[in-house]
Amino acid sequence: VTDGWEQARDRVVAFFTRGRDGEGEVVQAELEESRADLVAARDAGDE
């Protein structure tokens, strides 16, 4: 939920896909889905 998420996301994707080519897009999509869920939850006060 920070402005620097895109840079952090790329580093996180690299960690989750260490040595496994072709999985980066899947992990990135999962992270973005989680981010959208998190932003919506925080906006709604849904802890």
PDB file of all heavy atoms in Angstrom:
ATOM      1  N   VAL A   1       0.816  -1.212   0.000  1.00  0.00           N
ATOM      2  CA  VAL A   1       0.000   0.000   0.000  1.00  0.00           C
ATOM      3  C   VAL A   1       0.852   1.265   0.000  1.00  0.00           C
ATOM      4  O   VAL A   1       0.368   2.332   0.344  1.00  0.00           O
ATOM      5  CB  VAL A   1      -0.988   0.003   1.189  1.00  0.00           C
ATOM      6  CG1 VAL A   1      -2.025  -1.092   1.028  1.00  0.00           C
ATOM      7  CG2 VAL A   1      -0.265  -0.137   2.517  1.00  0.00           C
ATOM      8  N   THR A   2       2.107   1.157  -0.428  1.00  0.00           N
ATOM      9  CA  THR A   2       2.977   2.330  -0.497  1.00  0.00           C
ATOM     10  C   THR A   2       3.197   2.744  -1.947  1.00  0.00           C
ATOM     11  O   THR A   2       2.917   1.978  -2.877  1.00  0.00           O
ATOM     12  CB  THR A   2       4.357   2.055   0.150  1.00  0.00           C
ATOM     13  OG1 THR A   2       5.055   1.077  -0.630  1.00  0.00           O
ATOM     14  CG2 THR A   2       4.219   1.600   1.588  1.00  0.00           C
ATOM     15  N   ASP A   3       3.744   3.944  -2.106  1.00  0.00           N
ATOM     16  CA  ASP A   3       4.058   4.439  -3.450  1.00  0.00           C
ATOM     17  C   ASP A   3       5.198   3.659  -4.099  1.00  0.00           C
ATOM     18  O   ASP A   3       5.300   3.625  -5.310  1.00  0.00           O
ATOM     19  CB  ASP A   3       4.433   5.922  -3.388  1.00  0.00           C
ATOM     20  CG  ASP A   3       3.250   6.796  -3.037  1.00  0.00           C
ATOM     21  OD1 ASP A   3       2.098   6.370  -3.269  1.00  0.00           O
ATOM     22  OD2 ASP A   3       3.467   7.906  -2.520  1.00  0.00           O
ATOM     23  N   GLY A   4       6.047   3.046  -3.302  1.00  0.00           N
ATOM     24  CA  GLY A   4       7.185   2.310  -3.845  1.00  0.00           C
ATOM     25  C   GLY A   4       6.879   0.854  -4.125  1.00  0.00           C
ATOM     26  O   GLY A   4       7.803   0.046  -4.299  1.00  0.00           O
ATOM     27  N   TRP A   5       5.598   0.509  -4.203  1.00  0.00           N
ATOM     28  CA  TRP A   5       5.229  -0.894  -4.358  1.00  0.00           C
ATOM     29  C   TRP A   5       5.806  -1.528  -5.614  1.00  0.00           C
ATOM     30  O   TRP A   5       6.255  -2.668  -5.588  1.00  0.00           O
ATOM     31  CB  TRP A   5       3.708  -1.065  -4.336  1.00  0.00           C
ATOM     32  CG  TRP A   5       3.272  -2.421  -4.796  1.00  0.00           C
ATOM     33  CD1 TRP A   5       2.462  -2.708  -5.843  1.00  0.00           C
ATOM     34  CD2 TRP A   5       3.631  -3.688  -4.225  1.00  0.00           C
ATOM     35  NE1 TRP A   5       2.294  -4.058  -5.964  1.00  0.00           N
ATOM     36  CE2 TRP A   5       3.007  -4.688  -4.982  1.00  0.00           C
ATOM     37  CE3 TRP A   5       4.443  -4.076  -3.162  1.00  0.00           C
ATOM     38  CZ2 TRP A   5       3.149  -6.045  -4.712  1.00  0.00           C
ATOM     39  CZ3 TRP A   5       4.583  -5.424  -2.881  1.00  0.00           C
ATOM     40  CH2 TRP A   5       3.945  -6.390  -3.640  1.00  0.00           C
ATOM     41  N   GLU A   6       5.816  -0.826  -6.757  1.00  0.00           N
ATOM     42  CA  GLU A   6       6.285  -1.453  -7.986  1.00  0.00           C
ATOM     43  C   GLU A   6       7.732  -1.913  -7.881  1.00  0.00           C
ATOM     44  O   GLU A   6       8.075  -3.002  -8.321  1.00  0.00           O
ATOM     45  CB  GLU A   6       6.099  -0.525  -9.187  1.00  0.00           C
ATOM     46  CG  GLU A   6       4.726  -0.657  -9.786  1.00  0.00           C
ATOM     47  CD  GLU A   6       3.979   0.652  -9.753  1.00  0.00           C
ATOM     48  OE1 GLU A   6       4.634   1.707  -9.766  1.00  0.00           O
ATOM     49  OE2 GLU A   6       2.746   0.615  -9.688  1.00  0.00           O
ATOM     50  N   GLN A   7       8.576  -1.095  -7.268  1.00  0.00           N
ATOM     51  CA  GLN A   7       9.968  -1.500  -7.079  1.00  0.00           C
ATOM     52  C   GLN A   7      10.069  -2.671  -6.114  1.00  0.00           C
ATOM     53  O   GLN A   7      10.813  -3.619  -6.346  1.00  0.00           O
ATOM     54  CB  GLN A   7      10.809  -0.335  -6.575  1.00  0.00           C
ATOM     55  CG  GLN A   7      11.015   0.735  -7.612  1.00  0.00           C
ATOM     56  CD  GLN A   7      11.794   1.898  -7.044  1.00  0.00           C
ATOM     57  OE1 GLN A   7      11.631   2.282  -5.897  1.00  0.00           O
ATOM     58  NE2 GLN A   7      12.665   2.451  -7.867  1.00  0.00           N
ATOM     59  N   ALA A   8       9.330  -2.597  -5.028  1.00  0.00           N
ATOM     60  CA  ALA A   8       9.343  -3.680  -4.050  1.00  0.00           C
ATOM     61  C   ALA A   8       8.789  -4.957  -4.672  1.00  0.00           C
ATOM     62  O   ALA A   8       9.319  -6.046  -4.465  1.00  0.00           O
ATOM     63  CB  ALA A   8       8.542  -3.287  -2.816  1.00  0.00           C
ATOM     64  N   ARG A   9       7.734  -4.818  -5.454  1.00  0.00           N
ATOM     65  CA  ARG A   9       7.105  -5.982  -6.086  1.00  0.00           C
ATOM     66  C   ARG A   9       8.094  -6.744  -6.957  1.00  0.00           C
ATOM     67  O   ARG A   9       8.163  -7.971  -6.909  1.00  0.00           O
ATOM     68  CB  ARG A   9       5.906  -5.541  -6.929  1.00  0.00           C
ATOM     69  CG  ARG A   9       5.189  -6.709  -7.599  1.00  0.00           C
ATOM     70  CD  ARG A   9       4.298  -6.268  -8.722  1.00  0.00           C
ATOM     71  NE  ARG A   9       5.094  -5.570  -9.720  1.00  0.00           N
ATOM     72  CZ  ARG A   9       4.640  -4.568 -10.460  1.00  0.00           C
ATOM     73  NH1 ARG A   9       3.415  -4.122 -10.316  1.00  0.00           N
ATOM     74  NH2 ARG A   9       5.415  -3.993 -11.361  1.00  0.00           N
ATOM     75  N   ASP A  10       8.875  -6.026  -7.728  1.00  0.00           N
ATOM     76  CA  ASP A  10       9.842  -6.695  -8.597  1.00  0.00           C
ATOM     77  C   ASP A  10      10.851  -7.503  -7.788  1.00  0.00           C
ATOM     78  O   ASP A  10      11.229  -8.606  -8.176  1.00  0.00           O
ATOM     79  CB  ASP A  10      10.551  -5.668  -9.483  1.00  0.00           C
ATOM     80  CG  ASP A  10       9.599  -5.010 -10.478  1.00  0.00           C
ATOM     81  OD1 ASP A  10       8.487  -5.546 -10.703  1.00  0.00           O
ATOM     82  OD2 ASP A  10       9.960  -3.948 -11.015  1.00  0.00           O
ATOM     83  N   ARG A  11      11.290  -6.969  -6.667  1.00  0.00           N
ATOM     84  CA  ARG A  11      12.233  -7.688  -5.789  1.00  0.00           C
ATOM     85  C   ARG A  11      11.568  -8.900  -5.157  1.00  0.00           C
ATOM     86  O   ARG A  11      12.162  -9.960  -5.022  1.00  0.00           O
ATOM     87  CB  ARG A  11      12.720  -6.769  -4.682  1.00  0.00           C
ATOM     88  CG  ARG A  11      14.045  -6.150  -4.815  1.00  0.00           C
ATOM     89  CD  ARG A  11      15.199  -7.087  -5.149  1.00  0.00           C
ATOM     90  NE  ARG A  11      15.922  -7.519  -3.960  1.00  0.00           N
ATOM     91  CZ  ARG A  11      16.141  -8.791  -3.650  1.00  0.00           C
ATOM     92  NH1 ARG A  11      15.719  -9.753  -4.413  1.00  0.00           N
ATOM     93  NH2 ARG A  11      16.816  -9.103  -2.584  1.00  0.00           N
ATOM     94  N   VAL A  12      10.301  -8.748  -4.760  1.00  0.00           N
ATOM     95  CA  VAL A  12       9.555  -9.849  -4.143  1.00  0.00           C
ATOM     96  C   VAL A  12       9.328 -10.959  -5.163  1.00  0.00           C
ATOM     97  O   VAL A  12       9.488 -12.144  -4.849  1.00  0.00           O
ATOM     98  CB  VAL A  12       8.223  -9.344  -3.547  1.00  0.00           C
ATOM     99  CG1 VAL A  12       7.348 -10.491  -3.090  1.00  0.00           C
ATOM    100  CG2 VAL A  12       8.503  -8.391  -2.385  1.00  0.00           C
ATOM    101  N   VAL A  13       8.967 -10.592  -6.384  1.00  0.00           N
ATOM    102  CA  VAL A  13       8.790 -11.587  -7.450  1.00  0.00           C
ATOM    103  C   VAL A  13      10.097 -12.354  -7.645  1.00  0.00           C
ATOM    104  O   VAL A  13      10.090 -13.594  -7.759  1.00  0.00           O
ATOM    105  CB  VAL A  13       8.330 -10.924  -8.764  1.00  0.00           C
ATOM    106  CG1 VAL A  13       8.433 -11.891  -9.934  1.00  0.00           C
ATOM    107  CG2 VAL A  13       6.903 -10.408  -8.630  1.00  0.00           C
ATOM    108  N   ALA A  14      11.208 -11.645  -7.670  1.00  0.00           N
ATOM    109  CA  ALA A  14      12.509 -12.310  -7.842  1.00  0.00           C
ATOM    110  C   ALA A  14      12.762 -13.309  -6.714  1.00  0.00           C
ATOM    111  O   ALA A  14      13.288 -14.402  -6.951  1.00  0.00           O
ATOM    112  CB  ALA A  14      13.629 -11.273  -7.903  1.00  0.00           C
ATOM    113  N   PHE A  15      12.380 -12.949  -5.492  1.00  0.00           N
ATOM    114  CA  PHE A  15      12.572 -13.878  -4.373  1.00  0.00           C
ATOM    115  C   PHE A  15      11.707 -15.122  -4.547  1.00  0.00           C
ATOM    116  O   PHE A  15      12.177 -16.245  -4.395  1.00  0.00           O
ATOM    117  CB  PHE A  15      12.247 -13.199  -3.033  1.00  0.00           C
ATOM    118  CG  PHE A  15      12.282 -14.166  -1.881  1.00  0.00           C
ATOM    119  CD1 PHE A  15      13.496 -14.547  -1.333  1.00  0.00           C
ATOM    120  CD2 PHE A  15      11.116 -14.724  -1.373  1.00  0.00           C
ATOM    121  CE1 PHE A  15      13.546 -15.471  -0.289  1.00  0.00           C
ATOM    122  CE2 PHE A  15      11.156 -15.632  -0.338  1.00  0.00           C
ATOM    123  CZ  PHE A  15      12.374 -16.017   0.210  1.00  0.00           C
ATOM    124  N   PHE A  16      10.425 -14.940  -4.861  1.00  0.00           N
ATOM    125  CA  PHE A  16       9.516 -16.073  -4.967  1.00  0.00           C
ATOM    126  C   PHE A  16       9.805 -16.967  -6.166  1.00  0.00           C
ATOM    127  O   PHE A  16       9.378 -18.125  -6.181  1.00  0.00           O
ATOM    128  CB  PHE A  16       8.060 -15.603  -5.009  1.00  0.00           C
ATOM    129  CG  PHE A  16       7.485 -15.342  -3.654  1.00  0.00           C
ATOM    130  CD1 PHE A  16       7.398 -14.058  -3.163  1.00  0.00           C
ATOM    131  CD2 PHE A  16       7.030 -16.383  -2.863  1.00  0.00           C
ATOM    132  CE1 PHE A  16       6.874 -13.809  -1.908  1.00  0.00           C
ATOM    133  CE2 PHE A  16       6.506 -16.150  -1.604  1.00  0.00           C
ATOM    134  CZ  PHE A  16       6.428 -14.856  -1.121  1.00  0.00           C
ATOM    135  N   THR A  17      10.494 -16.462  -7.165  1.00  0.00           N
ATOM    136  CA  THR A  17      10.757 -17.257  -8.376  1.00  0.00           C
ATOM    137  C   THR A  17      12.226 -17.620  -8.519  1.00  0.00           C
ATOM    138  O   THR A  17      12.662 -17.943  -9.618  1.00  0.00           O
ATOM    139  CB  THR A  17      10.296 -16.487  -9.628  1.00  0.00           C
ATOM    140  OG1 THR A  17      11.011 -15.251  -9.713  1.00  0.00           O
ATOM    141  CG2 THR A  17       8.804 -16.237  -9.601  1.00  0.00           C
ATOM    142  N   ARG A  18      12.973 -17.599  -7.456  1.00  0.00           N
ATOM    143  CA  ARG A  18      14.413 -17.885  -7.506  1.00  0.00           C
ATOM    144  C   ARG A  18      14.697 -19.128  -8.356  1.00  0.00           C
ATOM    145  O   ARG A  18      14.291 -20.224  -8.007  1.00  0.00           O
ATOM    146  CB  ARG A  18      14.953 -18.125  -6.097  1.00  0.00           C
ATOM    147  CG  ARG A  18      14.838 -16.932  -5.210  1.00  0.00           C
ATOM    148  CD  ARG A  18      15.249 -17.176  -3.754  1.00  0.00           C
ATOM    149  NE  ARG A  18      15.383 -18.538  -3.277  1.00  0.00           N
ATOM    150  CZ  ARG A  18      14.383 -19.304  -2.830  1.00  0.00           C
ATOM    151  NH1 ARG A  18      13.165 -18.856  -2.839  1.00  0.00           N
ATOM    152  NH2 ARG A  18      14.605 -20.514  -2.377  1.00  0.00           N
ATOM    153  N   GLY A  19      15.383 -18.912  -9.456  1.00  0.00           N
ATOM    154  CA  GLY A  19      15.828 -20.015 -10.292  1.00  0.00           C
ATOM    155  C   GLY A  19      14.741 -20.705 -11.094  1.00  0.00           C
ATOM    156  O   GLY A  19      15.000 -21.722 -11.718  1.00  0.00           O
ATOM    157  N   ARG A  20      13.534 -20.190 -11.093  1.00  0.00           N
ATOM    158  CA  ARG A  20      12.444 -20.827 -11.834  1.00  0.00           C
ATOM    159  C   ARG A  20      11.924 -19.840 -12.876  1.00  0.00           C
ATOM    160  O   ARG A  20      11.070 -19.007 -12.573  1.00  0.00           O
ATOM    161  CB  ARG A  20      11.340 -21.263 -10.877  1.00  0.00           C
ATOM    162  CG  ARG A  20      11.800 -22.335  -9.901  1.00  0.00           C
ATOM    163  CD  ARG A  20      10.670 -22.854  -9.033  1.00  0.00           C
ATOM    164  NE  ARG A  20       9.862 -21.833  -8.399  1.00  0.00           N
ATOM    165  CZ  ARG A  20      10.106 -21.278  -7.205  1.00  0.00           C
ATOM    166  NH1 ARG A  20      11.172 -21.630  -6.528  1.00  0.00           N
ATOM    167  NH2 ARG A  20       9.282 -20.384  -6.707  1.00  0.00           N
ATOM    168  N   ASP A  21      12.436 -19.955 -14.063  1.00  0.00           N
ATOM    169  CA  ASP A  21      12.015 -19.063 -15.152  1.00  0.00           C
ATOM    170  C   ASP A  21      10.558 -19.332 -15.518  1.00  0.00           C
ATOM    171  O   ASP A  21      10.058 -20.439 -15.397  1.00  0.00           O
ATOM    172  CB  ASP A  21      12.898 -19.278 -16.386  1.00  0.00           C
ATOM    173  CG  ASP A  21      14.320 -18.816 -16.150  1.00  0.00           C
ATOM    174  OD1 ASP A  21      14.522 -17.949 -15.287  1.00  0.00           O
ATOM    175  OD2 ASP A  21      15.237 -19.352 -16.817  1.00  0.00           O
ATOM    176  N   GLY A  22       9.901 -18.299 -15.969  1.00  0.00           N
ATOM    177  CA  GLY A  22       8.538 -18.435 -16.455  1.00  0.00           C
ATOM    178  C   GLY A  22       7.464 -18.304 -15.390  1.00  0.00           C
ATOM    179  O   GLY A  22       6.286 -18.297 -15.711  1.00  0.00           O
ATOM    180  N   GLU A  23       7.832 -18.226 -14.117  1.00  0.00           N
ATOM    181  CA  GLU A  23       6.838 -18.118 -13.054  1.00  0.00           C
ATOM    182  C   GLU A  23       6.629 -16.678 -12.602  1.00  0.00           C
ATOM    183  O   GLU A  23       5.724 -16.404 -11.818  1.00  0.00           O
ATOM    184  CB  GLU A  23       7.246 -18.978 -11.853  1.00  0.00           C
ATOM    185  CG  GLU A  23       7.207 -20.455 -12.141  1.00  0.00           C
ATOM    186  CD  GLU A  23       7.540 -21.291 -10.917  1.00  0.00           C
ATOM    187  OE1 GLU A  23       7.352 -20.791  -9.788  1.00  0.00           O
ATOM    188  OE2 GLU A  23       7.979 -22.421 -11.094  1.00  0.00           O
ATOM    189  N   GLY A  24       7.452 -15.770 -13.081  1.00  0.00           N
ATOM    190  CA  GLY A  24       7.384 -14.381 -12.633  1.00  0.00           C
ATOM    191  C   GLY A  24       6.049 -13.719 -12.868  1.00  0.00           C
ATOM    192  O   GLY A  24       5.525 -13.016 -12.003  1.00  0.00           O
ATOM    193  N   GLU A  25       5.469 -13.959 -14.046  1.00  0.00           N
ATOM    194  CA  GLU A  25       4.185 -13.329 -14.359  1.00  0.00           C
ATOM    195  C   GLU A  25       3.077 -13.848 -13.457  1.00  0.00           C
ATOM    196  O   GLU A  25       2.202 -13.087 -13.036  1.00  0.00           O
ATOM    197  CB  GLU A  25       3.824 -13.559 -15.828  1.00  0.00           C
ATOM    198  CG  GLU A  25       4.703 -12.788 -16.784  1.00  0.00           C
ATOM    199  CD  GLU A  25       4.347 -13.051 -18.232  1.00  0.00           C
ATOM    200  OE1 GLU A  25       3.295 -13.680 -18.500  1.00  0.00           O
ATOM    201  OE2 GLU A  25       5.117 -12.626 -19.105  1.00  0.00           O
ATOM    202  N   VAL A  26       3.126 -15.137 -13.121  1.00  0.00           N
ATOM    203  CA  VAL A  26       2.112 -15.726 -12.248  1.00  0.00           C
ATOM    204  C   VAL A  26       2.214 -15.125 -10.848  1.00  0.00           C
ATOM    205  O   VAL A  26       1.209 -14.705 -10.263  1.00  0.00           O
ATOM    206  CB  VAL A  26       2.267 -17.262 -12.185  1.00  0.00           C
ATOM    207  CG1 VAL A  26       1.351 -17.863 -11.139  1.00  0.00           C
ATOM    208  CG2 VAL A  26       1.995 -17.876 -13.548  1.00  0.00           C
ATOM    209  N   VAL A  27       3.427 -15.070 -10.305  1.00  0.00           N
ATOM    210  CA  VAL A  27       3.627 -14.513  -8.970  1.00  0.00           C
ATOM    211  C   VAL A  27       3.255 -13.035  -8.953  1.00  0.00           C
ATOM    212  O   VAL A  27       2.601 -12.558  -8.021  1.00  0.00           O
ATOM    213  CB  VAL A  27       5.078 -14.723  -8.492  1.00  0.00           C
ATOM    214  CG1 VAL A  27       5.336 -13.970  -7.196  1.00  0.00           C
ATOM    215  CG2 VAL A  27       5.363 -16.201  -8.313  1.00  0.00           C
ATOM    216  N   GLN A  28       3.638 -12.307  -9.995  1.00  0.00           N
ATOM    217  CA  GLN A  28       3.299 -10.886 -10.057  1.00  0.00           C
ATOM    218  C   GLN A  28       1.781 -10.701 -10.066  1.00  0.00           C
ATOM    219  O   GLN A  28       1.254  -9.826  -9.370  1.00  0.00           O
ATOM    220  CB  GLN A  28       3.916 -10.237 -11.288  1.00  0.00           C
ATOM    221  CG  GLN A  28       3.664  -8.749 -11.347  1.00  0.00           C
ATOM    222  CD  GLN A  28       4.449  -8.062 -12.448  1.00  0.00           C
ATOM    223  OE1 GLN A  28       5.510  -8.526 -12.847  1.00  0.00           O
ATOM    224  NE2 GLN A  28       3.935  -6.958 -12.936  1.00  0.00           N
ATOM    225  N   ALA A  29       1.075 -11.515 -10.817  1.00  0.00           N
ATOM    226  CA  ALA A  29      -0.390 -11.423 -10.855  1.00  0.00           C
ATOM    227  C   ALA A  29      -0.989 -11.740  -9.488  1.00  0.00           C
ATOM    228  O   ALA A  29      -1.940 -11.077  -9.050  1.00  0.00           O
ATOM    229  CB  ALA A  29      -0.950 -12.369 -11.919  1.00  0.00           C
ATOM    230  N   GLU A  30      -0.442 -12.731  -8.791  1.00  0.00           N
ATOM    231  CA  GLU A  30      -0.931 -13.076  -7.455  1.00  0.00           C
ATOM    232  C   GLU A  30      -0.678 -11.934  -6.471  1.00  0.00           C
ATOM    233  O   GLU A  30      -1.535 -11.624  -5.635  1.00  0.00           O
ATOM    234  CB  GLU A  30      -0.256 -14.357  -6.957  1.00  0.00           C
ATOM    235  CG  GLU A  30      -0.667 -15.583  -7.729  1.00  0.00           C
ATOM    236  CD  GLU A  30       0.191 -16.804  -7.439  1.00  0.00           C
ATOM    237  OE1 GLU A  30       1.326 -16.657  -6.923  1.00  0.00           O
ATOM    238  OE2 GLU A  30      -0.272 -17.912  -7.734  1.00  0.00           O
ATOM    239  N   LEU A  31       0.488 -11.315  -6.570  1.00  0.00           N
ATOM    240  CA  LEU A  31       0.790 -10.180  -5.707  1.00  0.00           C
ATOM    241  C   LEU A  31      -0.155  -9.013  -5.980  1.00  0.00           C
ATOM    242  O   LEU A  31      -0.642  -8.367  -5.052  1.00  0.00           O
ATOM    243  CB  LEU A  31       2.244  -9.735  -5.889  1.00  0.00           C
ATOM    244  CG  LEU A  31       3.301 -10.640  -5.277  1.00  0.00           C
ATOM    245  CD1 LEU A  31       4.680 -10.299  -5.832  1.00  0.00           C
ATOM    246  CD2 LEU A  31       3.294 -10.538  -3.759  1.00  0.00           C
ATOM    247  N   GLU A  32      -0.416  -8.733  -7.241  1.00  0.00           N
ATOM    248  CA  GLU A  32      -1.310  -7.631  -7.593  1.00  0.00           C
ATOM    249  C   GLU A  32      -2.743  -7.915  -7.147  1.00  0.00           C
ATOM    250  O   GLU A  32      -3.454  -7.003  -6.714  1.00  0.00           O
ATOM    251  CB  GLU A  32      -1.252  -7.333  -9.087  1.00  0.00           C
ATOM    252  CG  GLU A  32       0.050  -6.674  -9.510  1.00  0.00           C
ATOM    253  CD  GLU A  32       0.330  -5.376  -8.776  1.00  0.00           C
ATOM    254  OE1 GLU A  32      -0.594  -4.579  -8.518  1.00  0.00           O
ATOM    255  OE2 GLU A  32       1.507  -5.150  -8.436  1.00  0.00           O
ATOM    256  N   GLU A  33      -3.167  -9.179  -7.236  1.00  0.00           N
ATOM    257  CA  GLU A  33      -4.497  -9.540  -6.749  1.00  0.00           C
ATOM    258  C   GLU A  33      -4.569  -9.344  -5.229  1.00  0.00           C
ATOM    259  O   GLU A  33      -5.547  -8.795  -4.713  1.00  0.00           O
ATOM    260  CB  GLU A  33      -4.811 -10.988  -7.101  1.00  0.00           C
ATOM    261  CG  GLU A  33      -6.191 -11.429  -6.671  1.00  0.00           C
ATOM    262  CD  GLU A  33      -6.496 -12.872  -7.061  1.00  0.00           C
ATOM    263  OE1 GLU A  33      -5.804 -13.440  -7.923  1.00  0.00           O
ATOM    264  OE2 GLU A  33      -7.438 -13.424  -6.472  1.00  0.00           O
ATOM    265  N   SER A  34      -3.525  -9.763  -4.538  1.00  0.00           N
ATOM    266  CA  SER A  34      -3.477  -9.567  -3.086  1.00  0.00           C
ATOM    267  C   SER A  34      -3.467  -8.090  -2.738  1.00  0.00           C
ATOM    268  O   SER A  34      -4.124  -7.656  -1.785  1.00  0.00           O
ATOM    269  CB  SER A  34      -2.241 -10.241  -2.490  1.00  0.00           C
ATOM    270  OG  SER A  34      -2.359 -11.636  -2.535  1.00  0.00           O
ATOM    271  N   ARG A  35      -2.733  -7.310  -3.524  1.00  0.00           N
ATOM    272  CA  ARG A  35      -2.681  -5.868  -3.282  1.00  0.00           C
ATOM    273  C   ARG A  35      -4.062  -5.244  -3.443  1.00  0.00           C
ATOM    274  O   ARG A  35      -4.498  -4.431  -2.623  1.00  0.00           O
ATOM    275  CB  ARG A  35      -1.692  -5.198  -4.228  1.00  0.00           C
ATOM    276  CG  ARG A  35      -1.606  -3.701  -4.012  1.00  0.00           C
ATOM    277  CD  ARG A  35      -0.571  -3.081  -4.956  1.00  0.00           C
ATOM    278  NE  ARG A  35      -0.333  -1.703  -4.604  1.00  0.00           N
ATOM    279  CZ  ARG A  35      -1.002  -0.667  -5.115  1.00  0.00           C
ATOM    280  NH1 ARG A  35      -1.955  -0.866  -6.002  1.00  0.00           N
ATOM    281  NH2 ARG A  35      -0.716   0.557  -4.737  1.00  0.00           N
ATOM    282  N   ALA A  36      -4.769  -5.625  -4.492  1.00  0.00           N
ATOM    283  CA  ALA A  36      -6.121  -5.094  -4.714  1.00  0.00           C
ATOM    284  C   ALA A  36      -7.048  -5.488  -3.557  1.00  0.00           C
ATOM    285  O   ALA A  36      -7.830  -4.661  -3.075  1.00  0.00           O
ATOM    286  CB  ALA A  36      -6.677  -5.602  -6.046  1.00  0.00           C
ATOM    287  N   ASP A  37      -6.951  -6.736  -3.104  1.00  0.00           N
ATOM    288  CA  ASP A  37      -7.760  -7.182  -1.962  1.00  0.00           C
ATOM    289  C   ASP A  37      -7.411  -6.383  -0.717  1.00  0.00           C
ATOM    290  O   ASP A  37      -8.292  -5.984   0.046  1.00  0.00           O
ATOM    291  CB  ASP A  37      -7.524  -8.670  -1.682  1.00  0.00           C
ATOM    292  CG  ASP A  37      -8.073  -9.584  -2.761  1.00  0.00           C
ATOM    293  OD1 ASP A  37      -8.887  -9.120  -3.597  1.00  0.00           O
ATOM    294  OD2 ASP A  37      -7.684 -10.773  -2.783  1.00  0.00           O
ATOM    295  N   LEU A  38      -6.127  -6.149  -0.519  1.00  0.00           N
ATOM    296  CA  LEU A  38      -5.672  -5.422   0.669  1.00  0.00           C
ATOM    297  C   LEU A  38      -6.132  -3.970   0.648  1.00  0.00           C
ATOM    298  O   LEU A  38      -6.624  -3.451   1.648  1.00  0.00           O
ATOM    299  CB  LEU A  38      -4.144  -5.487   0.768  1.00  0.00           C
ATOM    300  CG  LEU A  38      -3.507  -4.842   1.979  1.00  0.00           C
ATOM    301  CD1 LEU A  38      -3.940  -5.548   3.250  1.00  0.00           C
ATOM    302  CD2 LEU A  38      -1.989  -4.881   1.848  1.00  0.00           C
ATOM    303  N   VAL A  39      -5.996  -3.319  -0.497  1.00  0.00           N
ATOM    304  CA  VAL A  39      -6.428  -1.924  -0.618  1.00  0.00           C
ATOM    305  C   VAL A  39      -7.934  -1.816  -0.383  1.00  0.00           C
ATOM    306  O   VAL A  39      -8.396  -0.943   0.355  1.00  0.00           O
ATOM    307  CB  VAL A  39      -6.022  -1.338  -1.988  1.00  0.00           C
ATOM    308  CG1 VAL A  39      -6.701  -0.003  -2.246  1.00  0.00           C
ATOM    309  CG2 VAL A  39      -4.499  -1.201  -2.074  1.00  0.00           C
ATOM    310  N   ALA A  40      -8.702  -2.719  -0.982  1.00  0.00           N
ATOM    311  CA  ALA A  40     -10.155  -2.705  -0.790  1.00  0.00           C
ATOM    312  C   ALA A  40     -10.507  -2.960   0.674  1.00  0.00           C
ATOM    313  O   ALA A  40     -11.396  -2.300   1.228  1.00  0.00           O
ATOM    314  CB  ALA A  40     -10.815  -3.749  -1.687  1.00  0.00           C
ATOM    315  N   ALA A  41      -9.806  -3.880   1.305  1.00  0.00           N
ATOM    316  CA  ALA A  41     -10.072  -4.186   2.715  1.00  0.00           C
ATOM    317  C   ALA A  41      -9.747  -3.005   3.605  1.00  0.00           C
ATOM    318  O   ALA A  41     -10.514  -2.654   4.505  1.00  0.00           O
ATOM    319  CB  ALA A  41      -9.259  -5.409   3.141  1.00  0.00           C
ATOM    320  N   ARG A  42      -8.632  -2.365   3.349  1.00  0.00           N
ATOM    321  CA  ARG A  42      -8.253  -1.208   4.166  1.00  0.00           C
ATOM    322  C   ARG A  42      -9.221  -0.051   3.950  1.00  0.00           C
ATOM    323  O   ARG A  42      -9.570   0.651   4.893  1.00  0.00           O
ATOM    324  CB  ARG A  42      -6.820  -0.786   3.854  1.00  0.00           C
ATOM    325  CG  ARG A  42      -5.842  -1.862   4.285  1.00  0.00           C
ATOM    326  CD  ARG A  42      -4.700  -1.309   5.035  1.00  0.00           C
ATOM    327  NE  ARG A  42      -3.911  -2.384   5.605  1.00  0.00           N
ATOM    328  CZ  ARG A  42      -2.614  -2.366   5.709  1.00  0.00           C
ATOM    329  NH1 ARG A  42      -1.946  -1.324   5.272  1.00  0.00           N
ATOM    330  NH2 ARG A  42      -1.974  -3.361   6.259  1.00  0.00           N
ATOM    331  N   ASP A  43      -9.653   0.165   2.708  1.00  0.00           N
ATOM    332  CA  ASP A  43     -10.614   1.235   2.438  1.00  0.00           C
ATOM    333  C   ASP A  43     -11.943   0.978   3.147  1.00  0.00           C
ATOM    334  O   ASP A  43     -12.622   1.913   3.562  1.00  0.00           O
ATOM    335  CB  ASP A  43     -10.853   1.380   0.929  1.00  0.00           C
ATOM    336  CG  ASP A  43      -9.669   2.002   0.200  1.00  0.00           C
ATOM    337  OD1 ASP A  43      -8.762   2.552   0.879  1.00  0.00           O
ATOM    338  OD2 ASP A  43      -9.634   1.920  -1.041  1.00  0.00           O
ATOM    339  N   ALA A  44     -12.312  -0.307   3.276  1.00  0.00           N
ATOM    340  CA  ALA A  44     -13.573  -0.665   3.912  1.00  0.00           C
ATOM    341  C   ALA A  44     -13.424  -0.874   5.419  1.00  0.00           C
ATOM    342  O   ALA A  44     -14.407  -1.178   6.097  1.00  0.00           O
ATOM    343  CB  ALA A  44     -14.121  -1.945   3.277  1.00  0.00           C
ATOM    344  N   GLY A  45     -12.198  -0.735   5.926  1.00  0.00           N
ATOM    345  CA  GLY A  45     -11.974  -0.966   7.351  1.00  0.00           C
ATOM    346  C   GLY A  45     -12.089  -2.434   7.721  1.00  0.00           C
ATOM    347  O   GLY A  45     -12.356  -2.782   8.870  1.00  0.00           O
ATOM    348  N   ASP A  46     -11.870  -3.312   6.764  1.00  0.00           N
ATOM    349  CA  ASP A  46     -12.000  -4.757   6.952  1.00  0.00           C
ATOM    350  C   ASP A  46     -10.656  -5.346   7.364  1.00  0.00           C
ATOM    351  O   ASP A  46      -9.883  -5.812   6.533  1.00  0.00           O
ATOM    352  CB  ASP A  46     -12.508  -5.387   5.650  1.00  0.00           C
ATOM    353  CG  ASP A  46     -12.735  -6.881   5.745  1.00  0.00           C
ATOM    354  OD1 ASP A  46     -12.485  -7.473   6.817  1.00  0.00           O
ATOM    355  OD2 ASP A  46     -13.159  -7.464   4.723  1.00  0.00           O
ATOM    356  N   GLU A  47     -10.385  -5.317   8.654  1.00  0.00           N
ATOM    357  CA  GLU A  47      -9.107  -5.806   9.172  1.00  0.00           C
ATOM    358  C   GLU A  47      -8.962  -7.317   9.005  1.00  0.00           C
ATOM    359  O   GLU A  47      -7.857  -7.827   8.883  1.00  0.00           O
ATOM    360  CB  GLU A  47      -8.938  -5.411  10.641  1.00  0.00           C
ATOM    361  CG  GLU A  47      -8.736  -3.921  10.840  1.00  0.00           C
ATOM    362  CD  GLU A  47      -7.489  -3.400  10.133  1.00  0.00           C
ATOM    363  OE1 GLU A  47      -6.440  -4.077  10.163  1.00  0.00           O
ATOM    364  OE2 GLU A  47      -7.562  -2.308   9.543  1.00  0.00           O
TER     365      GLU A  47
END
